[in-house]
């Protein structure tokens, strides 16, 4: 006998929820019924997927192998069912988006209301993570990433690019003066990143090239933290335009040394595993966000 999709769903749910009891509650079944389903699936496959004791569950090597493929199979089935039900070009269903927190905050959240008016049958699930994630493991349809992509196994769509600006608040400049030349930065408080060293290379032309490596006086792992520090007058920062365009427009931050800026732009991509035609709900979201980005990425 062959494994059924409902058995795959139960198996995945047990792993993702962490227990048979939690999976049973999710499916409205008894724990014993879920346990029987797992046993039936293992019998069909003639292998043990989960080593179960009264205190813990551990995937066997066969279980790890099967889990990845089961997720792929269910994703393909979900995609097929969606395409059959949406032949009238009516996007619907759950859309799971993952993005770095600053992008989510400044480039997704402000437009959620408008997107939901356009596509009321799409249920958005928004998650933030500044790290590279496994899309299948995190049950994510599409992730939006800033910067160059290193993982060639991902299918990617460019959403555009965003310039980097050197910025400071009017209060900081009033107190400490405005740098007129790149060497002037050495006498100022600079704000930078803790983890990604490349983000502390500012796109400024100077005597030794077109990138200036800075030693920050204050460091943070999040661009949003640095943005808030800069607005509070704590120093000079280099941040992407997608997260600061509104601050510049409203005068909370001022652009410094524009003539020395080398013009580097951060690429922005949407990445996903499905290498066939995108599900309609994903296509609608990416088209929508790309259009919004075009309005302020210049």
Protein backbone atom coordinates (compact mmCIF):
# COMPACT_ATOMS: atom_id res chain seq x y z
CA UNK A 1 0.00 0.00 0.00
CA UNK A 2 1.12 3.55 -0.72
CA UNK A 3 1.31 6.42 1.73
CA UNK A 4 -1.55 8.91 1.62
CA UNK A 5 -1.31 12.69 1.82
CA UNK A 6 -3.18 12.80 5.14
CA UNK A 7 -0.58 10.47 6.63
CA UNK A 8 2.18 12.76 5.39
CA UNK A 9 0.40 15.73 6.96
CA UNK A 10 0.13 13.96 10.30
CA UNK A 11 3.81 12.99 10.21
CA UNK A 12 4.93 16.54 9.42
CA UNK A 13 2.61 17.99 12.06
CA UNK A 14 4.03 15.72 14.75
CA UNK A 15 7.56 16.90 13.92
CA UNK A 16 6.70 20.59 13.61
CA UNK A 17 4.50 20.71 16.71
CA UNK A 18 6.94 18.67 18.76
CA UNK A 19 4.59 16.01 20.09
CA UNK A 20 1.86 13.56 19.18
CA UNK A 21 -0.53 15.30 21.59
CA UNK A 22 -0.02 18.70 19.95
CA UNK A 23 -0.53 17.22 16.48
CA UNK A 24 -3.66 15.43 17.68
CA UNK A 25 -5.09 18.72 18.95
CA UNK A 26 -4.31 20.38 15.64
CA UNK A 27 -6.18 17.71 13.67
CA UNK A 28 -8.99 17.26 16.18
CA UNK A 29 -8.02 13.65 16.81
CA UNK A 30 -6.99 11.62 19.83
CA UNK A 31 -3.27 11.02 20.47
CA UNK A 32 -3.83 7.30 20.01
CA UNK A 33 -5.34 7.92 16.54
CA UNK A 34 -2.32 10.01 15.53
CA UNK A 35 0.03 7.35 16.89
CA UNK A 36 -1.79 4.69 14.85
CA UNK A 37 -1.45 6.84 11.73
CA UNK A 38 2.31 7.11 12.27
CA UNK A 39 2.58 3.36 12.83
CA UNK A 40 0.56 2.68 9.68
CA UNK A 41 2.81 5.02 7.66
CA UNK A 42 5.96 3.32 8.98
CA UNK A 43 4.49 -0.08 8.16
CA UNK A 44 3.78 1.01 4.59
CA UNK A 45 7.31 2.35 4.21
CA UNK A 46 8.79 -0.64 6.04
CA UNK A 47 11.04 1.60 8.10
CA UNK A 48 11.08 3.50 11.39
CA UNK A 49 10.68 7.25 10.94
CA UNK A 50 10.59 8.37 14.58
CA UNK A 51 12.14 6.81 17.65
CA UNK A 52 9.49 7.40 20.29
CA UNK A 53 9.82 7.13 24.06
CA UNK A 54 7.66 8.46 26.87
CA UNK A 55 9.89 11.55 27.15
CA UNK A 56 11.08 12.45 23.66
CA UNK A 57 10.91 11.81 19.95
CA UNK A 58 13.87 11.71 17.58
CA UNK A 59 13.84 11.44 13.82
CA UNK A 60 15.79 8.52 12.41
CA UNK A 61 18.03 9.13 9.40
CA UNK A 62 15.26 7.66 7.26
CA UNK A 63 12.81 10.00 8.99
CA UNK A 64 14.93 13.06 8.18
CA UNK A 65 15.16 11.98 4.55
CA UNK A 66 11.42 11.32 4.36
CA UNK A 67 10.47 14.60 6.10
CA UNK A 68 12.15 16.76 3.48
CA UNK A 69 10.51 14.87 0.61
CA UNK A 70 7.12 14.79 2.32
CA UNK A 71 7.19 18.57 2.63
CA UNK A 72 8.05 18.89 -1.04
CA UNK A 73 5.25 16.51 -2.04
CA UNK A 74 2.63 18.38 -0.01
CA UNK A 75 3.86 21.72 -1.37
CA UNK A 76 3.47 20.39 -4.91
CA UNK A 77 0.00 19.06 -4.12
CA UNK A 78 -0.97 22.40 -2.58
CA UNK A 79 0.29 24.20 -5.65
CA UNK A 80 -1.59 21.84 -7.99
CA UNK A 81 -4.83 22.22 -6.04
CA UNK A 82 -4.45 25.96 -6.02
CA UNK A 83 -3.91 26.13 -9.78
CA UNK A 84 -6.97 23.98 -10.41
CA UNK A 85 -9.16 26.08 -8.12
CA UNK A 86 -7.81 29.40 -9.33
CA UNK A 87 -8.19 28.90 -13.05
CA UNK A 88 -10.39 31.98 -13.11
CA UNK A 89 -7.32 34.02 -12.03
CA UNK A 90 -8.58 34.55 -8.52
CA UNK A 91 -5.62 34.56 -6.10
CA UNK A 92 -6.39 32.99 -2.73
CA UNK A 93 -4.86 31.02 0.09
CA UNK A 94 -2.18 31.47 2.71
CA UNK A 95 0.93 33.40 1.69
CA UNK A 96 3.94 33.02 4.00
CA UNK A 97 6.46 35.84 3.66
CA UNK A 98 9.81 36.08 5.42
CA UNK A 99 11.96 39.23 5.34
CA UNK A 100 14.60 40.98 7.38
CA UNK A 101 12.92 43.09 10.05
CA UNK A 102 13.76 46.53 8.53
CA UNK A 103 12.36 45.53 5.14
CA UNK A 104 9.26 44.05 6.72
CA UNK A 105 8.71 47.18 8.81
CA UNK A 106 9.34 49.79 6.11
CA UNK A 107 8.52 48.08 2.82
CA UNK A 108 5.78 45.55 3.61
CA UNK A 109 3.80 46.63 6.68
CA UNK A 110 2.86 50.10 5.31
CA UNK A 111 1.18 48.48 2.30
CA UNK A 112 -0.59 45.51 3.91
CA UNK A 113 -3.95 47.29 4.05
CA UNK A 114 -3.80 48.20 0.36
CA UNK A 115 -2.72 44.69 -0.62
CA UNK A 116 -5.57 43.13 1.34
CA UNK A 117 -8.08 45.42 -0.37
CA UNK A 118 -6.77 44.25 -3.73
CA UNK A 119 -6.58 40.56 -2.75
CA UNK A 120 -8.99 39.90 0.13
CA UNK A 121 -8.78 36.11 -0.23
CA UNK A 122 -5.03 35.96 0.36
CA UNK A 123 -4.17 35.33 4.01
CA UNK A 124 -0.82 36.94 4.79
CA UNK A 125 1.57 35.37 7.28
CA UNK A 126 4.50 37.73 7.94
CA UNK A 127 7.69 36.57 9.64
CA UNK A 128 10.93 38.46 10.22
CA UNK A 129 14.41 37.00 10.33
CA UNK A 130 17.71 38.72 9.58
CA UNK A 131 19.39 35.35 8.95
CA UNK A 132 19.26 33.10 5.91
CA UNK A 133 16.58 30.47 6.52
CA UNK A 134 15.63 27.12 5.05
CA UNK A 135 12.40 27.94 3.24
CA UNK A 136 11.01 24.42 3.46
CA UNK A 137 11.91 23.97 7.10
CA UNK A 138 10.37 27.32 8.02
CA UNK A 139 7.25 26.70 5.87
CA UNK A 140 7.92 29.87 3.88
CA UNK A 141 6.62 30.59 0.39
CA UNK A 142 8.98 33.43 -0.40
CA UNK A 143 11.80 35.21 1.43
CA UNK A 144 13.00 38.72 0.64
CA UNK A 145 16.72 39.23 1.05
CA UNK A 146 18.91 42.32 0.86
CA UNK A 147 22.38 42.10 -0.70
CA UNK A 148 24.11 39.57 -2.93
CA UNK A 149 22.78 36.02 -2.97
CA UNK A 150 25.20 33.21 -2.22
CA UNK A 151 22.88 30.18 -2.44
CA UNK A 152 22.62 29.11 -6.08
CA UNK A 153 20.01 26.44 -5.24
CA UNK A 154 17.39 29.15 -4.73
CA UNK A 155 15.29 30.51 -7.52
CA UNK A 156 15.40 34.30 -7.29
CA UNK A 157 13.53 37.25 -8.70
CA UNK A 158 15.02 40.72 -8.54
CA UNK A 159 12.77 43.29 -6.92
CA UNK A 160 15.14 46.12 -7.70
CA UNK A 161 17.90 47.80 -5.73
CA UNK A 162 18.22 50.46 -3.09
CA UNK A 163 20.98 53.06 -2.71
CA UNK A 164 22.94 53.50 0.49
CA UNK A 165 23.08 56.96 2.05
CA UNK A 166 25.25 58.52 4.73
CA UNK A 167 22.83 60.05 7.23
CA UNK A 168 22.60 62.04 10.45
CA UNK A 169 19.87 63.86 12.33
CA UNK A 170 19.62 67.67 12.33
CA UNK A 171 20.19 67.61 16.11
CA UNK A 172 23.48 65.72 15.74
CA UNK A 173 24.71 68.05 13.00
CA UNK A 174 23.78 71.13 14.99
CA UNK A 175 25.77 69.88 17.96
CA UNK A 176 28.77 68.35 16.18
CA UNK A 177 28.91 70.10 12.81
CA UNK A 178 28.40 68.79 9.29
CA UNK A 179 31.21 66.81 7.63
CA UNK A 180 32.09 68.41 4.29
CA UNK A 181 34.70 65.90 3.13
CA UNK A 182 35.17 62.17 3.70
CA UNK A 183 38.23 62.67 5.99
CA UNK A 184 36.02 64.79 8.28
CA UNK A 185 34.21 61.60 9.38
CA UNK A 186 37.23 60.65 11.51
CA UNK A 187 36.22 63.29 14.06
CA UNK A 188 32.58 62.17 14.27
CA UNK A 189 30.68 59.41 16.08
CA UNK A 190 29.97 56.65 13.56
CA UNK A 191 27.27 54.02 13.94
CA UNK A 192 27.78 50.58 12.36
CA UNK A 193 26.96 46.89 12.32
CA UNK A 194 28.27 44.22 14.67
CA UNK A 195 28.10 41.06 12.56
CA UNK A 196 28.31 41.75 8.84
CA UNK A 197 31.64 43.44 8.21
CA UNK A 198 30.77 44.33 4.64
CA UNK A 199 28.02 46.62 5.96
CA UNK A 200 30.72 48.72 7.60
CA UNK A 201 32.21 49.51 4.19
CA UNK A 202 30.52 52.77 3.26
CA UNK A 203 30.12 53.70 -0.43
CA UNK A 204 32.33 56.78 -0.28
CA UNK A 205 35.06 57.76 -2.71
CA UNK A 206 38.30 58.75 -1.02
CA UNK A 207 42.04 58.72 -1.67
CA UNK A 208 42.31 54.92 -1.39
CA UNK A 209 39.21 53.83 -3.33
CA UNK A 210 35.43 54.01 -3.46
CA UNK A 211 34.65 52.16 -0.21
CA UNK A 212 35.46 53.47 3.24
CA UNK A 213 35.83 50.94 6.04
CA UNK A 214 34.67 52.50 9.31
CA UNK A 215 35.26 51.55 12.93
CA UNK A 216 31.93 52.25 14.61
CA UNK A 217 31.81 53.87 18.03
CA UNK A 218 28.41 52.22 18.54
CA UNK A 219 27.50 48.91 16.89
CA UNK A 220 24.21 47.07 16.49
CA UNK A 221 23.12 43.87 14.76
CA UNK A 222 19.96 45.45 13.35
CA UNK A 223 19.67 48.24 10.82
CA UNK A 224 16.48 49.36 12.53
CA UNK A 225 18.38 49.83 15.79
CA UNK A 226 20.95 51.97 13.98
CA UNK A 227 18.18 53.98 12.34
CA UNK A 228 16.63 54.77 15.71
CA UNK A 229 20.04 55.73 17.14
CA UNK A 230 20.68 58.07 14.23
CA UNK A 231 17.26 59.73 14.57
CA UNK A 232 18.00 60.19 18.28
CA UNK A 233 21.15 62.13 17.39
CA UNK A 234 23.68 59.51 18.50
CA UNK A 235 25.85 59.62 15.39
CA UNK A 236 26.29 59.24 11.65
CA UNK A 237 25.04 56.09 9.94
CA UNK A 238 25.00 54.42 6.52
CA UNK A 239 21.63 52.84 5.73
CA UNK A 240 19.61 51.73 2.75
CA UNK A 241 17.15 54.12 1.16
CA UNK A 242 14.25 51.66 1.42
CA UNK A 243 14.22 52.06 5.21
CA UNK A 244 15.07 55.76 5.47
CA UNK A 245 13.31 57.45 2.54
CA UNK A 246 10.48 58.63 4.76
CA UNK A 247 12.93 59.95 7.37
CA UNK A 248 14.73 61.95 4.67
CA UNK A 249 11.46 63.29 3.26
CA UNK A 250 10.24 64.40 6.68
CA UNK A 251 13.59 65.86 7.75
CA UNK A 252 14.33 63.39 10.54
CA UNK A 253 17.58 62.47 8.77
CA UNK A 254 19.76 64.45 6.35
CA UNK A 255 21.88 63.01 3.55
CA UNK A 256 25.61 63.75 3.98
CA UNK A 257 28.46 63.80 1.45
CA UNK A 258 26.27 63.11 -1.61
CA UNK A 259 29.03 64.16 -4.03
CA UNK A 260 31.39 61.57 -2.55
CA UNK A 261 28.87 58.73 -2.65
CA UNK A 262 30.02 56.05 -5.13
CA UNK A 263 26.42 55.17 -6.01
CA UNK A 264 26.45 51.55 -4.84
CA UNK A 265 22.97 50.04 -4.64
CA UNK A 266 21.94 47.06 -2.53
CA UNK A 267 20.22 44.38 -4.63
CA UNK A 268 16.90 43.12 -3.30
CA UNK A 269 15.62 39.68 -4.27
CA UNK A 270 12.67 37.43 -3.59
CA UNK A 271 13.84 33.83 -3.27
CA UNK A 272 11.87 30.60 -3.40
CA UNK A 273 12.35 26.91 -4.16
CA UNK A 274 9.66 26.33 -6.72
CA UNK A 275 11.36 26.59 -10.08
CA UNK A 276 8.19 26.25 -12.12
CA UNK A 277 5.58 28.95 -12.65
CA UNK A 278 4.94 30.84 -9.43
CA UNK A 279 1.70 30.34 -7.55
CA UNK A 280 -0.66 33.17 -8.38
CA UNK A 281 -0.80 34.51 -4.83
CA UNK A 282 3.02 34.80 -4.77
CA UNK A 283 3.12 36.42 -8.19
CA UNK A 284 0.56 39.02 -7.11
CA UNK A 285 2.52 39.88 -3.97
CA UNK A 286 5.86 40.21 -5.76
CA UNK A 287 4.38 42.39 -8.50
CA UNK A 288 2.78 44.58 -5.83
CA UNK A 289 5.95 45.01 -3.74
CA UNK A 290 8.11 45.61 -6.81
CA UNK A 291 5.78 48.41 -7.88
CA UNK A 292 5.94 49.97 -4.40
CA UNK A 293 9.72 49.78 -4.33
CA UNK A 294 9.99 51.51 -7.69
CA UNK A 295 8.39 54.56 -6.12
CA UNK A 296 11.20 55.23 -3.66
CA UNK A 297 14.25 53.25 -4.74
CA UNK A 298 15.67 56.04 -6.90
